Amino acid sequence: MGLRDFLERFRPVGTPGASAVGVPADRTAERAAELEPALASLTDVQREADSIRADADERADAVRRDAAREAARIVAAARERAPELRRQAAEPPLRTARHEAEALRAAGNRTAAAVRAQAAARMPDLVRQAVTDALRAAEDGTAPAVREQAGARTPGPEQAVAGTPRPAAGPGGPP
């Protein structure tokens, strides 16, 4: 029950005294009769609004379908272009890496050439020292070739006899 209906209960119906002959006023029917033409015109407007909404929904669906097709076309084109773009994006770092590798290779070649030059410069002295040591050992009889010629070969581990002292291992390991 609304406030208006509640307050309607307290409205005086007539003057005090003898009751007047007649039918009490039907306020609800009066209101309905008054509002009926306005509500009827609103029904027509509501149908028209529903029709406009349905047309708008159809157009929105068409726009969504067109947008989905366009998005699919854009994605397909992007996937087609992606390998070339990746290659282009990777080219500068690859070029830099190639230059760095070439610089490292050149530095390595320079270092190797320096080692070769140093070895070539030191080789005559080292050969002379090795020959001198070999000749001195041959004169003393301590060279391995001199011992083999003399038949004084040292037995290996598989030929060692129990109780026979074994020679100590040199810096290069067992003989």
Foldseek 3Di string as FASTA:
>chain_A
DDPVVVVVVVDDQDDPDDDDDDDGDDVVVVVCVVCVVVVVVVVVVVVVVVVVVVVVVVVVVVVVVVVVVVVVVVVVVCVVCVVVVVCVVCVVVVVVVVVVVVVVVVVVVVVVVVVVVVCVVCVVVVVVVVVVVQVVCVVVQNDPVSCVVVVNDFDDPVPDDPPDDHDDADPVGRD
